[in-house]
C-alpha cells in the first residue's frame, strides 16, 4: 500500500513504528476503512502469535493502534485511547 505524507508524519508524531502499523494492518479488526488493533484484539493475538509478542505488547501499552486506509493509500494512524 502507498503511504501518504500525512500518514508518515503522524507515525513520527505519535511514536508509532512502521512495524506496529504493519501489525495493525495484518491483524487488526477491519471496520469500513479502518484496521483496529485494540487491547482486546492484542490480548487475543498474544496467545496465537509468539514471534511478534514484543510488538503486540508495545501495541497494548499504547492502548492499541488504528490505521485508516482508503483504496490503496494509508491515510493516517493513531493510538486507541478509549
N, C-alpha and C. Protein backbone atom coordinates (compact mmCIF):
# COMPACT_ATOMS: atom_id res chain seq x y z
N UNK A 1 0.84 -1.19 0.00
CA UNK A 1 0.00 0.00 0.00
C UNK A 1 0.88 1.24 0.00
N UNK A 2 0.38 2.27 -0.62
CA UNK A 2 1.07 3.55 -0.68
C UNK A 2 0.81 4.33 0.60
N UNK A 3 1.84 4.99 1.10
CA UNK A 3 1.69 5.80 2.32
C UNK A 3 1.61 7.27 1.95
N UNK A 4 0.62 7.94 2.48
CA UNK A 4 0.51 9.38 2.23
C UNK A 4 1.52 10.11 3.11
N UNK A 5 1.81 11.33 2.74
CA UNK A 5 2.73 12.16 3.53
C UNK A 5 2.15 12.38 4.93
N UNK A 6 0.85 12.54 5.00
CA UNK A 6 0.16 12.72 6.28
C UNK A 6 0.37 11.50 7.18
N UNK A 7 0.24 10.31 6.61
CA UNK A 7 0.43 9.07 7.36
C UNK A 7 1.82 9.01 7.97
N UNK A 8 2.83 9.30 7.16
CA UNK A 8 4.22 9.24 7.63
C UNK A 8 4.48 10.24 8.74
N UNK A 9 3.97 11.45 8.60
CA UNK A 9 4.20 12.45 9.64
C UNK A 9 3.45 12.10 10.93
N UNK A 10 2.26 11.51 10.83
CA UNK A 10 1.52 11.12 12.03
C UNK A 10 2.20 9.96 12.75
N UNK A 11 2.82 9.05 11.99
CA UNK A 11 3.57 7.97 12.62
C UNK A 11 4.69 8.54 13.47
N UNK A 12 5.40 9.51 12.93
CA UNK A 12 6.51 10.12 13.67
C UNK A 12 6.01 10.89 14.89
N UNK A 13 4.96 11.68 14.71
CA UNK A 13 4.42 12.48 15.81
C UNK A 13 3.90 11.63 16.95
N UNK A 14 3.31 10.50 16.64
CA UNK A 14 2.66 9.67 17.66
C UNK A 14 3.52 8.51 18.13
N UNK A 15 4.75 8.43 17.63
CA UNK A 15 5.67 7.40 18.09
C UNK A 15 5.25 5.99 17.74
N UNK A 16 4.66 5.84 16.57
CA UNK A 16 4.21 4.53 16.13
C UNK A 16 5.19 4.02 15.08
N UNK A 17 5.94 2.97 15.41
CA UNK A 17 6.91 2.45 14.43
C UNK A 17 6.21 1.78 13.24
N UNK A 18 6.93 1.70 12.15
CA UNK A 18 6.42 1.10 10.93
C UNK A 18 5.90 -0.31 11.18
N UNK A 19 6.64 -1.09 11.95
CA UNK A 19 6.25 -2.48 12.21
C UNK A 19 4.91 -2.56 12.94
N UNK A 20 4.62 -1.59 13.80
CA UNK A 20 3.37 -1.58 14.53
C UNK A 20 2.19 -1.26 13.61
N UNK A 21 2.40 -0.34 12.68
CA UNK A 21 1.36 -0.03 11.69
C UNK A 21 1.10 -1.24 10.80
N UNK A 22 2.15 -1.94 10.40
CA UNK A 22 2.01 -3.14 9.59
C UNK A 22 1.27 -4.24 10.36
N UNK A 23 1.55 -4.34 11.66
CA UNK A 23 0.88 -5.32 12.51
C UNK A 23 -0.62 -5.03 12.58
N UNK A 24 -0.98 -3.75 12.69
CA UNK A 24 -2.39 -3.37 12.73
C UNK A 24 -3.07 -3.71 11.41
N UNK A 25 -2.38 -3.51 10.30
CA UNK A 25 -2.95 -3.87 9.00
C UNK A 25 -3.13 -5.37 8.86
N UNK A 26 -2.17 -6.13 9.36
CA UNK A 26 -2.21 -7.59 9.21
C UNK A 26 -3.19 -8.26 10.16
N UNK A 27 -3.26 -7.78 11.40
CA UNK A 27 -4.04 -8.50 12.41
C UNK A 27 -5.17 -7.67 13.02
N UNK A 28 -5.31 -6.44 12.58
CA UNK A 28 -6.36 -5.59 13.12
C UNK A 28 -7.74 -5.99 12.62
N UNK A 29 -8.75 -5.58 13.36
CA UNK A 29 -10.14 -5.86 13.01
C UNK A 29 -10.59 -4.82 11.98
N UNK A 30 -10.96 -5.23 10.77
CA UNK A 30 -11.40 -4.25 9.77
C UNK A 30 -12.80 -3.73 10.06
N UNK A 31 -12.94 -2.42 10.02
CA UNK A 31 -14.24 -1.75 10.16
C UNK A 31 -14.29 -0.65 9.12
N UNK A 32 -14.99 -0.87 8.05
CA UNK A 32 -15.05 0.02 6.88
C UNK A 32 -13.63 0.28 6.38
N UNK A 33 -13.10 1.47 6.54
CA UNK A 33 -11.75 1.76 6.05
C UNK A 33 -10.72 1.81 7.18
N UNK A 34 -11.05 1.27 8.35
CA UNK A 34 -10.14 1.25 9.50
C UNK A 34 -9.67 -0.17 9.76
N UNK A 35 -8.46 -0.28 10.30
CA UNK A 35 -7.93 -1.54 10.81
C UNK A 35 -7.59 -1.29 12.27
N UNK A 36 -8.38 -1.85 13.18
CA UNK A 36 -8.27 -1.54 14.60
C UNK A 36 -7.62 -2.70 15.33
N UNK A 37 -6.50 -2.41 15.95
CA UNK A 37 -5.81 -3.38 16.79
C UNK A 37 -5.87 -2.84 18.21
N UNK A 38 -7.02 -3.07 18.89
CA UNK A 38 -7.19 -2.54 20.24
C UNK A 38 -6.68 -3.53 21.27
N UNK A 39 -6.78 -3.17 22.54
CA UNK A 39 -6.24 -4.01 23.61
C UNK A 39 -6.88 -5.41 23.62
N UNK A 40 -8.14 -5.47 23.38
CA UNK A 40 -8.85 -6.75 23.38
C UNK A 40 -8.31 -7.66 22.26
N UNK A 41 -8.11 -7.06 21.10
CA UNK A 41 -7.57 -7.82 19.96
C UNK A 41 -6.12 -8.23 20.22
N UNK A 42 -5.35 -7.33 20.83
CA UNK A 42 -3.96 -7.65 21.16
C UNK A 42 -3.90 -8.81 22.13
N UNK A 43 -4.71 -8.77 23.18
CA UNK A 43 -4.72 -9.86 24.16
C UNK A 43 -5.09 -11.20 23.52
N UNK A 44 -6.02 -11.16 22.58
CA UNK A 44 -6.42 -12.38 21.88
C UNK A 44 -5.27 -12.91 21.03
N UNK A 45 -4.55 -12.01 20.37
CA UNK A 45 -3.46 -12.40 19.48
C UNK A 45 -2.20 -12.83 20.23
N UNK A 46 -2.02 -12.38 21.48
CA UNK A 46 -0.83 -12.73 22.23
C UNK A 46 -0.70 -14.24 22.41
N UNK A 47 -1.80 -14.93 22.54
CA UNK A 47 -1.77 -16.38 22.69
C UNK A 47 -1.46 -17.09 21.38
N UNK A 48 -1.83 -16.47 20.24
CA UNK A 48 -1.67 -17.10 18.94
C UNK A 48 -0.31 -16.85 18.30
N UNK A 49 0.24 -15.65 18.49
CA UNK A 49 1.42 -15.23 17.75
C UNK A 49 2.58 -15.00 18.71
N UNK A 50 3.52 -15.90 18.74
CA UNK A 50 4.65 -15.77 19.65
C UNK A 50 5.79 -14.94 19.07
N UNK A 51 5.99 -14.99 17.75
CA UNK A 51 7.12 -14.31 17.16
C UNK A 51 6.97 -12.78 17.14
N UNK A 52 5.77 -12.26 17.30
CA UNK A 52 5.53 -10.82 17.34
C UNK A 52 5.11 -10.35 18.74
N UNK A 53 5.43 -11.11 19.73
CA UNK A 53 4.98 -10.84 21.09
C UNK A 53 5.40 -9.46 21.59
N UNK A 54 6.66 -9.08 21.39
CA UNK A 54 7.13 -7.78 21.90
C UNK A 54 6.41 -6.64 21.20
N UNK A 55 6.13 -6.80 19.93
CA UNK A 55 5.41 -5.77 19.19
C UNK A 55 3.96 -5.67 19.66
N UNK A 56 3.34 -6.81 19.93
CA UNK A 56 1.97 -6.81 20.45
C UNK A 56 1.91 -6.15 21.83
N UNK A 57 2.92 -6.39 22.65
CA UNK A 57 2.94 -5.76 23.98
C UNK A 57 3.10 -4.25 23.86
N UNK A 58 3.88 -3.80 22.89
CA UNK A 58 4.03 -2.36 22.65
C UNK A 58 2.69 -1.76 22.22
N UNK A 59 1.96 -2.48 21.37
CA UNK A 59 0.64 -2.02 20.93
C UNK A 59 -0.32 -1.93 22.12
N UNK A 60 -0.24 -2.90 23.02
CA UNK A 60 -1.12 -2.87 24.20
C UNK A 60 -0.77 -1.70 25.12
N UNK A 61 0.53 -1.39 25.25
CA UNK A 61 0.94 -0.25 26.07
C UNK A 61 0.40 1.06 25.51
N UNK A 62 0.27 1.15 24.21
CA UNK A 62 -0.27 2.35 23.58
C UNK A 62 -1.80 2.39 23.63
N UNK A 63 -2.41 1.31 24.09
CA UNK A 63 -3.86 1.25 24.12
C UNK A 63 -4.41 0.70 22.82
N UNK A 64 -3.54 0.33 21.91
CA UNK A 64 -3.93 -0.18 20.61
C UNK A 64 -3.55 0.81 19.53
N UNK A 65 -3.69 0.39 18.29
CA UNK A 65 -3.34 1.22 17.14
C UNK A 65 -4.43 1.09 16.10
N UNK A 66 -4.79 2.21 15.48
CA UNK A 66 -5.76 2.21 14.39
C UNK A 66 -5.10 2.80 13.16
N UNK A 67 -5.24 2.11 12.04
CA UNK A 67 -4.73 2.57 10.75
C UNK A 67 -5.93 2.80 9.84
N UNK A 68 -5.97 3.95 9.18
CA UNK A 68 -7.06 4.25 8.25
C UNK A 68 -6.49 4.24 6.84
N UNK A 69 -7.14 3.47 5.98
CA UNK A 69 -6.72 3.34 4.59
C UNK A 69 -7.89 3.63 3.67
N UNK A 70 -7.58 4.22 2.53
CA UNK A 70 -8.59 4.47 1.52
C UNK A 70 -8.08 3.91 0.21
N UNK A 71 -8.78 2.99 -0.35
CA UNK A 71 -8.38 2.20 -1.53
C UNK A 71 -6.99 1.62 -1.28
N UNK A 72 -5.95 2.08 -1.96
CA UNK A 72 -4.62 1.51 -1.75
C UNK A 72 -3.66 2.49 -1.07
N UNK A 73 -4.20 3.50 -0.35
CA UNK A 73 -3.38 4.51 0.31
C UNK A 73 -3.63 4.50 1.80
N UNK A 74 -2.56 4.47 2.58
CA UNK A 74 -2.67 4.60 4.03
C UNK A 74 -2.80 6.08 4.35
N UNK A 75 -3.88 6.46 5.01
CA UNK A 75 -4.21 7.86 5.22
C UNK A 75 -3.67 8.39 6.54
N UNK A 76 -3.98 7.70 7.64
CA UNK A 76 -3.50 8.16 8.95
C UNK A 76 -3.41 6.98 9.91
N UNK A 77 -2.78 7.23 11.04
CA UNK A 77 -2.60 6.22 12.08
C UNK A 77 -2.68 6.92 13.42
N UNK A 78 -3.28 6.25 14.41
CA UNK A 78 -3.35 6.84 15.75
C UNK A 78 -3.49 5.76 16.80
N UNK A 79 -3.21 6.15 18.05
CA UNK A 79 -3.36 5.25 19.19
C UNK A 79 -4.82 5.15 19.59
N UNK A 80 -5.24 3.99 20.05
CA UNK A 80 -6.61 3.80 20.54
C UNK A 80 -6.62 4.11 22.03
N UNK A 81 -7.13 5.21 22.41
CA UNK A 81 -7.20 5.58 23.82
C UNK A 81 -8.64 5.67 24.26
N UNK A 82 -9.34 4.57 24.14
CA UNK A 82 -10.77 4.56 24.50
C UNK A 82 -10.92 4.25 25.96
